[in-house]
Amino acid sequence: GRDARGGGANGAACGMSRLRPASLLQALTAAVAVLLMVAAAVLALTDGREDAAPPGGTGARGAAQRFLDLYTAWDGRVVRRDHGGDTVSEGQAYAMLLAVALRDRERFERAWRWTRENLQRDDGLLSHRWHGGRVVDADPAADADLDAAHALVLAGRRFDAPDLRRDGLELAAAILAEETVESGGGRVLVAGPWARSGRPWINPSYFSPRAFAVLARASRDPRWRELRSGARTLTGALTARAPGLPPDWARLDPAGRALAAAAPGGAVGPRFGYDAVRVPLRWVVACARRERRLAARPWDFLHGQAGGGIAAAYGLGGRRLAPGTHPAALVSGAAAAFAAGDRGAGGRLLDRAAAEERRASTYYGAALVALGRVMLETSRLDGGC
């Protein structure tokens, strides 16, 4: 066996020795080019880390690619195919974050170009919903604005694109001006410009401690650190009592305390639902350990639910309000498990979420599975603290 392998190598060397000098140089140049291409491909797949997708399109890269392939049109618009083909600003921001994670500059720029041309308002914020060729809901949603600003600043650095960074900082400045309030001695991110008056509305799943940290570092504006501190205080208060489930919505009283509430215009009471499932995912990637502990608070309860499938909605006391399970809810459980140090259970929940999404794909399920894989299994969106 050793002789055979050696013979092959020796044969190649002998063949090379018979080449003319020019041909030899060409052959060596071609060989180096092939090696560089292989190395570049490996780096592109792994981003320098052991987080590449396993065969078959699974894992972080596969989930991100799947969402973009299934739900992004050629022009960069994210199409909610299970919602009549409309587009929401949240989806555009998700596509931008995932394109940054994949180091796909072309796809990122298409998503941002469509967003800028079709959703961006005169004040710099993003209209919430587009359908049938026009904006049908111009009220911004602060989570989409925040995620888009975060993605733009990350893209500016990752793609060496100062224009993208500038766009991100301009959007960030608009958020500070139009989507925050002073309450209880601190600054708080509210759900949108509409949510500032009276008793302000907040959505705990809109708080993104990692985005606050990235924008604070990029802008050097101390108000972003105030927002991070306020979000930590409010989320801590809203999850302080067992079973630790955060609500979809809350309102601020005159003292700046958050009180769980039904959704604006909603007929049902406070609940842990399709919005709040994102809270553990937001906090598990926070910069500080004490912040990441907030993501672990629901784990004891969600761990007990995992066998039968974590539901997409519970009362804040733990009463099940929805049948079956949903990929977004399973990703929420995975994030809580990771935060609690139970990576094995978290990994199994992520795998189950991916299987559920493939069985019956939806825009939101695919987005949360992709973001969950990227945020929990890789460091592609870390962006510094």
Protein backbone atom coordinates (compact mmCIF):
# COMPACT_ATOMS: atom_id res chain seq x y z
CA GLY A 1 0.00 0.00 0.00
CA ARG A 2 2.79 2.41 0.93
CA ASP A 3 4.65 1.67 -2.34
CA ALA A 4 1.54 2.23 -4.41
CA ARG A 5 0.88 5.62 -2.81
CA GLY A 6 4.53 6.56 -3.15
CA GLY A 7 4.55 5.44 -6.79
CA GLY A 8 1.68 7.78 -7.54
CA ALA A 9 3.45 10.73 -6.01
CA ASN A 10 6.73 9.85 -7.70
CA GLY A 11 4.99 9.41 -11.03
CA ALA A 12 3.49 12.88 -10.76
CA ALA A 13 6.91 14.33 -9.93
CA CYS A 14 8.50 12.59 -12.93
CA GLY A 15 5.78 13.85 -15.21
CA MET A 16 6.33 17.38 -13.96
CA SER A 17 10.10 17.13 -14.59
CA ARG A 18 9.47 16.48 -18.30
CA LEU A 19 7.51 19.75 -18.70
CA ARG A 20 9.16 22.76 -20.39
CA PRO A 21 9.96 25.67 -17.99
CA ALA A 22 6.98 27.74 -19.25
CA SER A 23 4.65 24.79 -18.91
CA LEU A 24 6.04 24.03 -15.47
CA LEU A 25 5.35 27.61 -14.35
CA GLN A 26 1.83 27.41 -15.73
CA ALA A 27 1.21 24.12 -13.96
CA LEU A 28 2.49 25.46 -10.66
CA THR A 29 0.39 28.63 -11.02
CA ALA A 30 -2.71 26.57 -11.76
CA ALA A 31 -2.03 24.32 -8.77
CA VAL A 32 -1.64 27.31 -6.44
CA ALA A 33 -4.86 28.82 -7.80
CA VAL A 34 -6.75 25.59 -7.11
CA LEU A 35 -5.39 25.45 -3.55
CA LEU A 36 -6.41 29.08 -2.93
CA MET A 37 -9.90 28.39 -4.26
CA VAL A 38 -10.27 25.37 -1.98
CA ALA A 39 -9.06 27.38 1.04
CA ALA A 40 -11.46 30.23 0.23
CA ALA A 41 -14.34 27.82 -0.08
CA VAL A 42 -13.55 26.27 3.29
CA LEU A 43 -13.35 29.68 4.95
CA ALA A 44 -16.59 30.80 3.34
CA LEU A 45 -18.36 27.73 4.63
CA THR A 46 -17.04 27.88 8.15
CA ASP A 47 -16.42 31.61 8.64
CA GLY A 48 -13.23 30.44 10.38
CA ARG A 49 -15.23 28.47 12.96
CA GLU A 50 -16.63 24.97 13.32
CA ASP A 51 -20.19 26.07 12.58
CA ALA A 52 -20.62 25.09 8.96
CA ALA A 53 -23.75 23.25 7.92
CA PRO A 54 -23.52 19.47 8.07
CA PRO A 55 -24.35 17.62 4.81
CA GLY A 56 -27.96 17.84 3.76
CA GLY A 57 -28.49 21.57 4.39
CA THR A 58 -29.00 21.42 8.14
CA GLY A 59 -27.28 23.48 10.80
CA ALA A 60 -26.90 27.23 11.00
CA ARG A 61 -25.81 27.87 7.44
CA GLY A 62 -28.41 25.54 5.97
CA ALA A 63 -31.25 27.07 8.01
CA ALA A 64 -30.27 30.62 7.07
CA GLN A 65 -29.96 29.69 3.42
CA ARG A 66 -33.30 27.89 3.54
CA PHE A 67 -35.14 30.95 4.87
CA LEU A 68 -33.58 33.23 2.27
CA ASP A 69 -34.22 30.78 -0.57
CA LEU A 70 -37.83 30.09 0.39
CA TYR A 71 -39.01 33.53 1.39
CA THR A 72 -36.85 36.13 -0.40
CA ALA A 73 -37.74 37.27 -3.92
CA TRP A 74 -35.18 38.18 -6.59
CA ASP A 75 -35.41 41.89 -5.73
CA GLY A 76 -34.72 41.41 -2.00
CA ARG A 77 -38.32 41.51 -0.78
CA VAL A 78 -39.16 38.97 1.94
CA VAL A 79 -42.48 37.44 0.94
CA ARG A 80 -44.73 36.04 3.67
CA ARG A 81 -46.14 33.33 1.43
CA ASP A 82 -48.40 32.05 4.20
CA HIS A 83 -49.85 35.55 4.75
CA GLY A 84 -51.10 36.33 1.27
CA GLY A 85 -47.72 37.39 -0.10
CA ASP A 86 -47.30 40.54 1.98
CA THR A 87 -44.07 41.92 3.46
CA VAL A 88 -43.33 43.27 6.93
CA SER A 89 -40.33 45.29 8.06
CA GLU A 90 -39.45 42.58 10.58
CA GLY A 91 -38.91 40.10 7.75
CA GLN A 92 -36.63 42.48 5.88
CA ALA A 93 -34.53 42.92 9.01
CA TYR A 94 -34.35 39.16 9.54
CA ALA A 95 -33.13 38.67 5.97
CA MET A 96 -30.46 41.33 6.49
CA LEU A 97 -29.22 39.70 9.70
CA LEU A 98 -29.08 36.29 8.07
CA ALA A 99 -27.29 37.63 4.99
CA VAL A 100 -24.66 39.18 7.26
CA ALA A 101 -24.28 35.84 9.04
CA LEU A 102 -23.75 34.13 5.67
CA ARG A 103 -21.35 36.87 4.50
CA ASP A 104 -23.60 37.27 1.47
CA ARG A 105 -23.13 40.92 0.55
CA GLU A 106 -25.16 40.74 -2.66
CA ARG A 107 -28.20 39.34 -0.88
CA PHE A 108 -27.81 41.82 1.96
CA GLU A 109 -27.68 44.79 -0.37
CA ARG A 110 -30.73 43.60 -2.32
CA ALA A 111 -32.74 43.26 0.90
CA TRP A 112 -31.66 46.68 2.17
CA ARG A 113 -32.23 48.37 -1.21
CA TRP A 114 -35.79 47.06 -1.39
CA THR A 115 -36.40 48.08 2.23
CA ARG A 116 -35.00 51.58 1.72
CA GLU A 117 -36.91 52.17 -1.50
CA ASN A 118 -40.25 50.76 -0.38
CA LEU A 119 -40.51 51.00 3.42
CA GLN A 120 -38.29 53.81 4.68
CA ARG A 121 -40.21 56.88 5.79
CA ASP A 122 -39.16 60.53 5.75
CA ASP A 123 -38.20 60.28 9.44
CA GLY A 124 -35.84 57.39 8.67
CA LEU A 125 -37.91 54.64 10.30
CA LEU A 126 -39.45 51.71 8.41
CA SER A 127 -43.14 51.34 7.59
CA HIS A 128 -44.47 48.12 9.04
CA ARG A 129 -46.37 46.44 6.20
CA TRP A 130 -46.38 46.43 2.39
CA HIS A 131 -48.86 44.57 0.19
CA GLY A 132 -50.03 44.71 -3.38
CA GLY A 133 -47.40 47.18 -4.49
CA ARG A 134 -47.79 49.75 -1.71
CA VAL A 135 -47.42 50.43 2.01
CA VAL A 136 -50.64 49.48 3.80
CA ASP A 137 -49.44 50.15 7.37
CA ALA A 138 -47.00 53.03 7.75
CA ASP A 139 -46.63 52.73 11.54
CA PRO A 140 -43.10 51.49 12.33
CA ALA A 141 -42.36 48.53 14.57
CA ALA A 142 -39.37 49.19 16.80
CA ASP A 143 -38.03 45.63 16.65
CA ALA A 144 -37.66 45.79 12.87
CA ASP A 145 -36.02 49.21 13.03
CA LEU A 146 -33.60 48.01 15.71
CA ASP A 147 -32.72 44.75 13.95
CA ALA A 148 -32.21 46.57 10.65
CA ALA A 149 -29.93 49.18 12.24
CA HIS A 150 -27.99 46.38 13.95
CA ALA A 151 -27.63 44.47 10.67
CA LEU A 152 -26.49 47.57 8.78
CA VAL A 153 -23.75 48.38 11.29
CA LEU A 154 -22.56 44.76 11.27
CA ALA A 155 -22.61 44.74 7.46
CA GLY A 156 -20.65 47.98 7.30
CA ARG A 157 -17.83 46.34 9.21
CA ARG A 158 -18.04 42.87 7.70
CA PHE A 159 -18.21 44.08 4.09
CA ASP A 160 -15.95 47.12 4.61
CA ALA A 161 -18.83 49.32 3.46
CA PRO A 162 -18.94 52.73 5.18
CA ASP A 163 -22.20 53.61 3.41
CA LEU A 164 -24.00 50.71 5.09
CA ARG A 165 -22.62 51.70 8.49
CA ARG A 166 -23.76 55.27 7.88
CA ASP A 167 -27.26 54.08 6.97
CA GLY A 168 -27.33 52.01 10.16
CA LEU A 169 -26.32 54.93 12.35
CA GLU A 170 -28.91 57.18 10.70
CA LEU A 171 -31.62 54.61 11.38
CA ALA A 172 -30.33 54.23 14.94
CA ALA A 173 -30.59 57.99 15.47
CA ALA A 174 -34.20 57.90 14.25
CA ILE A 175 -34.99 55.13 16.74
CA LEU A 176 -33.61 57.21 19.61
CA ALA A 177 -35.62 60.23 18.48
CA GLU A 178 -38.94 58.55 17.73
CA GLU A 179 -39.15 55.20 19.54
CA THR A 180 -37.86 55.81 23.05
CA VAL A 181 -39.24 57.52 26.16
CA GLU A 182 -37.89 58.70 29.49
CA SER A 183 -39.69 56.69 32.15
CA GLY A 184 -38.95 56.08 35.79
CA GLY A 185 -35.63 57.85 35.55
CA GLY A 186 -34.39 55.81 32.60
CA ARG A 187 -34.76 55.48 28.85
CA VAL A 188 -36.96 52.74 27.40
CA LEU A 189 -37.53 51.41 23.89
CA VAL A 190 -41.26 51.51 23.12
CA ALA A 191 -43.08 49.55 20.44
CA GLY A 192 -43.11 52.41 17.93
CA PRO A 193 -43.80 56.16 17.64
CA TRP A 194 -47.49 55.45 18.23
CA ALA A 195 -46.67 53.83 21.60
CA ARG A 196 -45.08 56.84 23.29
CA SER A 197 -48.07 58.78 24.56
CA GLY A 198 -50.12 58.15 27.72
CA ARG A 199 -49.00 54.93 29.35
CA PRO A 200 -46.35 53.80 26.85
CA TRP A 201 -46.63 50.40 25.24
CA ILE A 202 -43.63 48.08 25.28
CA ASN A 203 -43.09 44.69 23.72
CA PRO A 204 -40.37 42.83 25.68
CA SER A 205 -39.44 40.78 22.62
CA TYR A 206 -38.37 44.00 20.87
CA PHE A 207 -35.55 44.52 23.37
CA SER A 208 -32.24 43.36 21.90
CA PRO A 209 -29.34 43.74 24.36
CA ARG A 210 -26.83 42.68 21.71
CA ALA A 211 -28.12 45.32 19.27
CA PHE A 212 -28.04 47.94 22.03
CA ALA A 213 -24.40 47.07 22.71
CA VAL A 214 -23.37 47.13 19.04
CA LEU A 215 -25.07 50.47 18.41
CA ALA A 216 -23.63 51.98 21.60
CA ARG A 217 -20.15 51.02 20.48
CA ALA A 218 -20.64 52.26 16.90
CA SER A 219 -22.36 55.55 17.71
CA ARG A 220 -20.74 56.38 21.07
CA ASP A 221 -24.17 57.63 22.14
CA PRO A 222 -24.74 56.86 25.86
CA ARG A 223 -28.48 56.55 25.33
CA TRP A 224 -28.02 53.06 23.92
CA ARG A 225 -26.51 51.92 27.22
CA GLU A 226 -29.49 53.48 28.99
CA LEU A 227 -31.83 51.47 26.76
CA ARG A 228 -29.92 48.29 27.53
CA SER A 229 -30.13 48.97 31.26
CA GLY A 230 -33.83 49.80 31.06
CA ALA A 231 -34.56 46.66 29.06
CA ARG A 232 -32.71 44.53 31.61
CA THR A 233 -34.67 46.04 34.49
CA LEU A 234 -38.06 45.70 32.82
CA THR A 235 -37.48 42.17 31.53
CA GLY A 236 -36.24 41.12 34.94
CA ALA A 237 -39.36 42.50 36.61
CA LEU A 238 -41.72 40.91 34.06
CA THR A 239 -40.16 37.44 34.51
CA ALA A 240 -39.50 37.58 38.25
CA ARG A 241 -42.39 35.33 39.28
CA ALA A 242 -42.63 31.63 38.43
CA PRO A 243 -42.91 30.23 35.84
CA GLY A 244 -40.82 33.10 34.45
CA LEU A 245 -42.78 33.57 31.22
CA PRO A 246 -42.52 37.09 29.73
CA PRO A 247 -45.66 38.65 28.24
CA ASP A 248 -46.12 39.61 24.61
CA TRP A 249 -47.05 43.15 25.68
CA ALA A 250 -46.81 45.44 28.68
CA ARG A 251 -47.48 49.07 29.59
CA LEU A 252 -45.46 51.47 31.68
CA ASP A 253 -47.11 53.10 34.68
CA PRO A 254 -46.21 56.67 35.74
CA ALA A 255 -43.38 55.34 37.94
CA GLY A 256 -41.84 53.48 34.98
CA ARG A 257 -42.90 50.01 36.12
CA ALA A 258 -43.98 47.50 33.47
CA LEU A 259 -47.36 45.84 33.85
CA ALA A 260 -48.26 42.88 31.61
CA ALA A 261 -51.12 43.73 29.26
CA ALA A 262 -53.23 42.31 26.47
CA ALA A 263 -52.08 43.21 22.97
CA PRO A 264 -53.18 46.65 21.77
CA GLY A 265 -56.77 46.24 20.64
CA GLY A 266 -56.69 42.59 21.68
CA ALA A 267 -59.61 40.76 23.23
CA VAL A 268 -57.56 38.30 25.29
CA GLY A 269 -55.51 38.92 28.40
CA PRO A 270 -51.73 38.95 28.84
CA ARG A 271 -49.97 35.89 27.45
CA PHE A 272 -46.68 34.35 26.49
CA GLY A 273 -47.24 33.99 22.75
CA TYR A 274 -45.78 34.44 19.29
CA ASP A 275 -44.04 37.69 20.26
CA ALA A 276 -42.72 36.69 23.67
CA VAL A 277 -41.19 33.44 22.42
CA ARG A 278 -38.36 35.63 21.10
CA VAL A 279 -37.40 36.97 24.54
CA PRO A 280 -35.11 34.07 25.57
CA LEU A 281 -33.44 34.19 22.14
CA ARG A 282 -32.71 37.90 22.56
CA TRP A 283 -31.21 37.56 26.04
CA VAL A 284 -29.24 34.33 25.64
CA VAL A 285 -26.79 36.22 23.39
CA ALA A 286 -26.52 39.26 25.66
CA CYS A 287 -23.02 40.44 26.51
CA ALA A 288 -23.17 40.10 30.30
CA ARG A 289 -23.72 36.90 32.26
CA ARG A 290 -26.36 38.49 34.50
CA GLU A 291 -28.27 39.46 31.37
CA ARG A 292 -28.06 35.98 29.90
CA ARG A 293 -29.56 34.59 33.10
CA LEU A 294 -32.83 36.31 32.15
CA ALA A 295 -33.12 33.94 29.20
CA ALA A 296 -32.92 30.94 31.55
CA ARG A 297 -35.83 31.94 33.76
CA PRO A 298 -38.55 30.06 31.83
CA TRP A 299 -36.45 26.91 31.40
CA ASP A 300 -37.73 24.92 34.36
CA PHE A 301 -41.27 25.37 33.07
CA LEU A 302 -40.53 24.91 29.36
CA HIS A 303 -38.40 21.84 30.11
CA GLY A 304 -41.44 20.26 31.69
CA GLN A 305 -43.45 21.03 28.56
CA ALA A 306 -40.87 19.82 26.07
CA GLY A 307 -41.95 16.17 26.05
CA GLY A 308 -45.40 16.96 24.71
CA GLY A 309 -44.26 19.90 22.60
CA ILE A 310 -43.88 23.49 23.77
CA ALA A 311 -47.01 25.40 22.85
CA ALA A 312 -47.01 28.70 21.00
CA ALA A 313 -49.09 30.36 23.72
CA TYR A 314 -49.45 30.09 27.51
CA GLY A 315 -51.07 32.16 30.16
CA LEU A 316 -48.47 33.86 32.32
CA GLY A 317 -49.29 31.36 35.06
CA GLY A 318 -48.46 28.45 32.75
CA ARG A 319 -51.90 27.45 31.44
CA ARG A 320 -51.63 26.09 27.91
CA LEU A 321 -53.56 28.27 25.44
CA ALA A 322 -52.69 26.66 22.11
CA PRO A 323 -52.74 23.05 20.90
CA GLY A 324 -49.72 21.29 19.49
CA THR A 325 -46.40 23.02 19.11
CA HIS A 326 -44.67 25.47 16.77
CA PRO A 327 -41.04 25.86 15.59
CA ALA A 328 -40.82 29.34 17.12
CA ALA A 329 -41.87 28.00 20.52
CA LEU A 330 -39.34 25.18 20.29
CA VAL A 331 -36.58 27.68 19.45
CA SER A 332 -37.63 29.68 22.50
CA GLY A 333 -37.23 26.59 24.65
CA ALA A 334 -33.85 25.89 23.07
CA ALA A 335 -32.65 29.39 23.91
CA ALA A 336 -33.79 29.02 27.53
CA ALA A 337 -32.02 25.65 27.72
CA PHE A 338 -28.76 27.07 26.36
CA ALA A 339 -28.96 29.92 28.86
CA ALA A 340 -29.48 27.44 31.68
CA GLY A 341 -26.44 25.43 30.59
CA ASP A 342 -28.39 22.48 29.20
CA ARG A 343 -26.92 22.52 25.71
CA GLY A 344 -27.94 18.94 25.03
CA ALA A 345 -31.62 19.67 25.55
CA GLY A 346 -31.23 22.92 23.63
CA GLY A 347 -29.72 21.15 20.66
CA ARG A 348 -32.48 18.56 20.61
CA LEU A 349 -35.13 21.31 20.68
CA LEU A 350 -33.42 23.10 17.79
CA ASP A 351 -33.40 19.87 15.78
CA ARG A 352 -37.07 19.33 16.56
CA ALA A 353 -37.88 22.91 15.59
CA ALA A 354 -36.13 22.40 12.25
CA ALA A 355 -38.03 19.15 11.65
CA GLU A 356 -41.37 20.83 12.45
CA GLU A 357 -40.52 23.70 10.10
CA ARG A 358 -39.67 21.36 7.26
CA ARG A 359 -42.89 19.42 7.82
CA ALA A 360 -45.05 22.53 7.50
CA SER A 361 -42.98 25.58 6.60
CA THR A 362 -44.12 29.08 7.51
CA TYR A 363 -42.36 32.42 7.19
CA TYR A 364 -42.14 32.91 10.96
CA GLY A 365 -41.15 29.34 11.74
CA ALA A 366 -38.38 29.36 9.13
CA ALA A 367 -37.11 32.76 10.32
CA LEU A 368 -36.95 31.73 13.98
CA VAL A 369 -35.28 28.41 13.21
CA ALA A 370 -32.65 30.19 11.11
CA LEU A 371 -32.03 32.90 13.69
CA GLY A 372 -32.02 30.33 16.48
CA ARG A 373 -29.42 28.17 14.74
CA VAL A 374 -27.21 31.17 13.92
CA MET A 375 -27.45 32.80 17.34
CA LEU A 376 -27.22 29.67 19.50
CA GLU A 377 -24.79 27.55 17.49
CA THR A 378 -22.45 30.17 16.02
CA SER A 379 -20.90 33.55 16.78
CA ARG A 380 -21.62 35.02 13.34
CA LEU A 381 -23.78 37.84 14.72
CA ASP A 382 -21.80 38.66 17.86
CA GLY A 383 -20.52 42.01 16.62
CA GLY A 384 -18.70 42.84 19.85
CA CYS A 385 -20.00 44.20 23.16
